Amino acid sequence: MKETTILFDLDGTLIDSTEAILESFDAAYAAFGESAPEEEAIKALIGYPLDLMFSSMGVAKERVNGYVDAYKRHYRMISREKTVLLPGAREAVEEAATFARLGVVTTKTARYSRELLEHMGLMHRFDVLIGREDVTHPKPHPEPIHLALERMSSSKEACWMVGDTLLDIDAALAAGVKPVAVSCGYGEASSLADRCKMVFPDAQSAVAAIGHNQKLALRAPGLQ
């Protein structure tokens, strides 16, 4: 059995669903006769759970669930059409699968995430997918990573978490796994570099670095 585990975030790490997300926010606000906030304000919050995104943009607590439901209704209709793999993402997953067991840890709904990855022909590469509904505390809390490792019967010492925001990095650090940041998504490269020693332009280069590190570790045990 492969000893190494690599956990991937989705949005901004493997997939680009910005168009679908923004359109679904428009639909959610329109359902209540309102206009959505500016696109940049929405994009700055991508990675957080939907309920927190809506509340952070001023939706009253008692109305948040209605907005989330409206968002999800629209998102499910358009997500496949308006979501694409990021450049190098397929190659990253395929390469990672040659030397590691793989999982997904996302704040997206697990059901929709699984449907997207099946549509893209990649779901079979992942042993586990942890979504928002699977945990009480989403990233940056370590619970989603702990749950993924538990379901995979994997060791945190041999686990890497690849993500594009500080939510991913902070969750990895809190869970005691190795964080790897990618700058192709929604996080600022400078902020990621402040919290993470390993920052790469995309998932493909991140996986290549992890593979190189693992080869070094095999030659000199303890070097990681």
Protein backbone atom coordinates (compact mmCIF):
# COMPACT_ATOMS: atom_id res chain seq x y z
CA MET A 1 0.00 0.00 0.00
CA LYS A 2 1.19 3.52 -0.78
CA GLU A 3 2.33 5.27 2.38
CA THR A 4 2.02 8.84 1.12
CA THR A 5 -1.33 10.66 1.21
CA ILE A 6 -2.12 13.83 -0.72
CA LEU A 7 -5.28 15.78 0.03
CA PHE A 8 -6.44 18.38 -2.48
CA ASP A 9 -8.69 21.37 -2.12
CA LEU A 10 -10.99 21.88 -5.15
CA ASP A 11 -11.82 25.50 -6.07
CA GLY A 12 -8.70 27.34 -7.14
CA THR A 13 -6.56 24.24 -6.70
CA LEU A 14 -7.90 21.70 -9.19
CA ILE A 15 -10.95 23.40 -10.69
CA ASP A 16 -12.08 26.84 -11.77
CA SER A 17 -15.77 27.31 -11.05
CA THR A 18 -15.64 31.09 -10.69
CA GLU A 19 -18.23 31.69 -13.41
CA ALA A 20 -20.65 29.19 -11.86
CA ILE A 21 -20.13 30.61 -8.38
CA LEU A 22 -20.68 34.23 -9.40
CA GLU A 23 -23.75 33.37 -11.48
CA SER A 24 -25.21 31.37 -8.60
CA PHE A 25 -24.71 34.28 -6.20
CA ASP A 26 -26.53 36.50 -8.69
CA ALA A 27 -29.39 33.97 -8.80
CA ALA A 28 -29.56 33.70 -5.03
CA TYR A 29 -29.83 37.44 -4.51
CA ALA A 30 -32.26 37.78 -7.42
CA ALA A 31 -34.52 35.20 -5.77
CA PHE A 32 -35.00 37.73 -2.98
CA GLY A 33 -35.30 40.75 -5.27
CA GLU A 34 -31.81 42.01 -4.56
CA SER A 35 -28.57 42.61 -6.44
CA ALA A 36 -25.49 40.59 -5.60
CA PRO A 37 -22.38 42.31 -4.19
CA GLU A 38 -19.48 43.21 -6.46
CA GLU A 39 -17.69 40.23 -8.00
CA GLU A 40 -14.42 41.00 -6.24
CA ALA A 41 -16.15 40.93 -2.86
CA ILE A 42 -17.53 37.48 -3.64
CA LYS A 43 -14.26 36.13 -5.01
CA ALA A 44 -12.41 37.29 -1.89
CA LEU A 45 -14.55 34.89 0.15
CA ILE A 46 -14.38 31.82 -2.10
CA GLY A 47 -13.17 28.92 -0.03
CA TYR A 48 -15.36 29.71 2.94
CA PRO A 49 -18.66 27.84 3.47
CA LEU A 50 -21.65 29.40 1.71
CA ASP A 51 -23.44 30.34 4.90
CA LEU A 52 -20.43 32.29 6.10
CA MET A 53 -20.00 33.94 2.68
CA PHE A 54 -23.58 35.21 2.68
CA SER A 55 -23.46 36.39 6.29
CA SER A 56 -20.11 38.12 5.67
CA MET A 57 -21.77 40.06 2.85
CA GLY A 58 -24.55 41.32 5.08
CA VAL A 59 -27.34 38.75 4.79
CA ALA A 60 -29.20 38.51 8.10
CA LYS A 61 -28.62 35.29 10.01
CA GLU A 62 -32.25 34.20 9.82
CA ARG A 63 -32.23 34.58 6.01
CA VAL A 64 -28.93 32.91 5.21
CA ASN A 65 -30.33 29.39 4.73
CA GLY A 66 -32.79 30.68 2.13
CA TYR A 67 -29.98 32.29 0.16
CA VAL A 68 -27.86 29.14 0.41
CA ASP A 69 -30.74 27.01 -0.88
CA ALA A 70 -31.35 29.39 -3.80
CA TYR A 71 -27.64 29.34 -4.62
CA LYS A 72 -27.48 25.57 -4.60
CA ARG A 73 -30.54 25.16 -6.81
CA HIS A 74 -28.94 27.30 -9.50
CA TYR A 75 -25.41 26.01 -9.02
CA ARG A 76 -26.40 22.41 -9.56
CA MET A 77 -28.03 23.30 -12.90
CA ILE A 78 -24.96 25.04 -14.31
CA SER A 79 -21.94 23.69 -12.43
CA ARG A 80 -20.87 21.07 -14.98
CA GLU A 81 -21.23 23.45 -17.92
CA LYS A 82 -19.42 26.33 -16.24
CA THR A 83 -16.63 24.57 -14.35
CA VAL A 84 -13.30 23.58 -15.87
CA LEU A 85 -10.15 21.90 -14.67
CA LEU A 86 -7.30 24.31 -14.06
CA PRO A 87 -4.27 23.95 -16.37
CA GLY A 88 -2.22 20.94 -15.31
CA ALA A 89 -4.79 19.71 -12.81
CA ARG A 90 -5.56 16.45 -14.57
CA GLU A 91 -1.85 15.76 -14.97
CA ALA A 92 -1.32 16.58 -11.30
CA VAL A 93 -3.93 14.07 -10.15
CA GLU A 94 -2.74 11.37 -12.53
CA GLU A 95 0.89 11.82 -11.45
CA ALA A 96 0.01 11.96 -7.75
CA ALA A 97 -1.93 8.70 -8.06
CA THR A 98 1.26 6.90 -9.12
CA PHE A 99 2.91 7.32 -5.72
CA ALA A 100 0.22 8.42 -3.24
CA ARG A 101 -3.31 7.78 -2.07
CA LEU A 102 -5.51 10.77 -2.82
CA GLY A 103 -8.38 12.57 -1.17
CA VAL A 104 -10.35 15.79 -1.56
CA VAL A 105 -11.07 18.16 1.32
CA THR A 106 -13.37 21.01 0.32
CA THR A 107 -15.91 23.40 1.76
CA LYS A 108 -18.11 22.77 -1.28
CA THR A 109 -21.06 20.41 -0.94
CA ALA A 110 -19.69 16.88 -1.24
CA ARG A 111 -22.52 15.74 -3.50
CA TYR A 112 -21.89 18.44 -6.10
CA SER A 113 -18.12 18.05 -5.81
CA ARG A 114 -18.38 14.33 -6.47
CA GLU A 115 -20.64 14.93 -9.48
CA LEU A 116 -18.15 17.42 -10.92
CA LEU A 117 -15.18 15.11 -10.51
CA GLU A 118 -17.12 12.20 -12.00
CA HIS A 119 -18.06 14.41 -14.95
CA MET A 120 -14.39 15.29 -15.38
CA GLY A 121 -13.32 11.66 -15.20
CA LEU A 122 -11.22 12.03 -12.05
CA MET A 123 -13.35 10.86 -9.12
CA HIS A 124 -12.03 7.30 -9.38
CA ARG A 125 -8.58 8.60 -8.45
CA PHE A 126 -9.72 9.67 -4.98
CA ASP A 127 -10.21 7.35 -2.03
CA VAL A 128 -12.29 9.87 -0.12
CA LEU A 129 -14.05 13.21 -0.58
CA ILE A 130 -14.88 15.33 2.45
CA GLY A 131 -17.36 18.14 1.85
CA ARG A 132 -19.13 20.76 3.93
CA GLU A 133 -21.95 18.46 5.05
CA ASP A 134 -19.51 15.85 6.35
CA VAL A 135 -18.16 17.97 9.21
CA THR A 136 -19.28 20.28 11.96
CA HIS A 137 -16.28 22.57 11.63
CA PRO A 138 -14.99 23.28 8.08
CA LYS A 139 -11.52 24.53 7.17
CA PRO A 140 -9.53 26.23 8.66
CA HIS A 141 -10.50 23.84 11.45
CA PRO A 142 -8.56 20.57 11.20
CA GLU A 143 -11.70 18.40 11.43
CA PRO A 144 -12.07 17.81 7.65
CA ILE A 145 -8.45 16.67 7.34
CA HIS A 146 -8.71 14.47 10.43
CA LEU A 147 -11.85 12.86 9.01
CA ALA A 148 -10.21 12.24 5.63
CA LEU A 149 -7.23 10.58 7.27
CA GLU A 150 -9.49 8.51 9.51
CA ARG A 151 -11.52 7.23 6.54
CA MET A 152 -8.36 6.46 4.62
CA SER A 153 -6.59 4.90 7.62
CA SER A 154 -3.67 7.17 6.75
CA SER A 155 -0.96 8.68 8.90
CA LYS A 156 -0.72 12.44 9.27
CA GLU A 157 3.07 12.17 9.21
CA ALA A 158 2.97 11.07 5.57
CA CYS A 159 0.20 13.45 4.49
CA TRP A 160 0.31 16.60 2.38
CA MET A 161 -2.51 19.13 1.97
CA VAL A 162 -2.50 21.09 -1.31
CA GLY A 163 -4.62 24.24 -1.42
CA ASP A 164 -4.85 27.78 -2.69
CA THR A 165 -5.99 29.76 0.37
CA LEU A 166 -4.94 30.34 3.95
CA LEU A 167 -7.93 28.20 4.97
CA ASP A 168 -6.15 25.19 3.49
CA ILE A 169 -2.77 26.09 4.96
CA ASP A 170 -4.14 26.79 8.43
CA ALA A 171 -6.19 23.59 8.41
CA ALA A 172 -3.10 21.60 7.43
CA LEU A 173 -0.97 23.16 10.15
CA ALA A 174 -3.68 22.60 12.76
CA ALA A 175 -4.04 18.97 11.68
CA GLY A 176 -0.30 18.35 11.80
CA VAL A 177 0.07 17.57 8.08
CA LYS A 178 2.40 19.20 5.57
CA PRO A 179 0.91 22.26 3.81
CA VAL A 180 1.59 22.98 0.14
CA ALA A 181 0.20 26.17 -1.39
CA VAL A 182 -0.65 26.93 -5.00
CA SER A 183 -0.95 30.48 -6.32
CA CYS A 184 -3.32 29.66 -9.21
CA GLY A 185 -6.44 30.24 -7.15
CA TYR A 186 -8.01 32.79 -4.83
CA GLY A 187 -5.30 33.34 -2.23
CA GLU A 188 -2.63 36.02 -2.50
CA ALA A 189 0.81 34.55 -3.18
CA SER A 190 2.49 36.83 -0.65
CA SER A 191 0.07 35.85 2.11
CA LEU A 192 0.50 32.17 1.30
CA ALA A 193 4.28 32.52 1.39
CA ASP A 194 4.07 34.10 4.83
CA ARG A 195 2.42 30.94 6.21
CA CYS A 196 3.80 28.18 4.01
CA LYS A 197 7.34 27.31 2.92
CA MET A 198 6.19 25.46 -0.19
CA VAL A 199 4.34 27.66 -2.70
CA PHE A 200 3.97 26.65 -6.35
CA PRO A 201 2.18 28.14 -9.36
CA ASP A 202 -0.17 25.19 -9.81
CA ALA A 203 -1.09 21.70 -8.63
CA GLN A 204 1.10 20.00 -11.23
CA SER A 205 4.28 21.64 -9.98
CA ALA A 206 3.18 21.07 -6.38
CA VAL A 207 2.76 17.33 -6.99
CA ALA A 208 6.13 17.17 -8.74
CA ALA A 209 7.76 18.74 -5.67
CA ILE A 210 6.00 16.34 -3.31
CA GLY A 211 7.13 13.40 -5.42
CA HIS A 212 10.70 14.68 -5.42
CA ASN A 213 10.58 15.12 -1.65
CA GLN A 214 9.32 11.56 -1.21
CA LYS A 215 12.15 10.17 -3.34
CA LEU A 216 14.66 12.04 -1.19
CA ALA A 217 12.99 10.70 1.94
CA LEU A 218 13.30 7.13 0.67
CA ARG A 219 17.03 7.63 0.07
CA ALA A 220 17.55 9.33 3.44
CA PRO A 221 14.85 8.34 5.96
CA GLY A 222 13.80 11.24 8.17
CA LEU A 223 14.43 13.89 5.49
CA GLN A 224 11.13 15.71 4.89
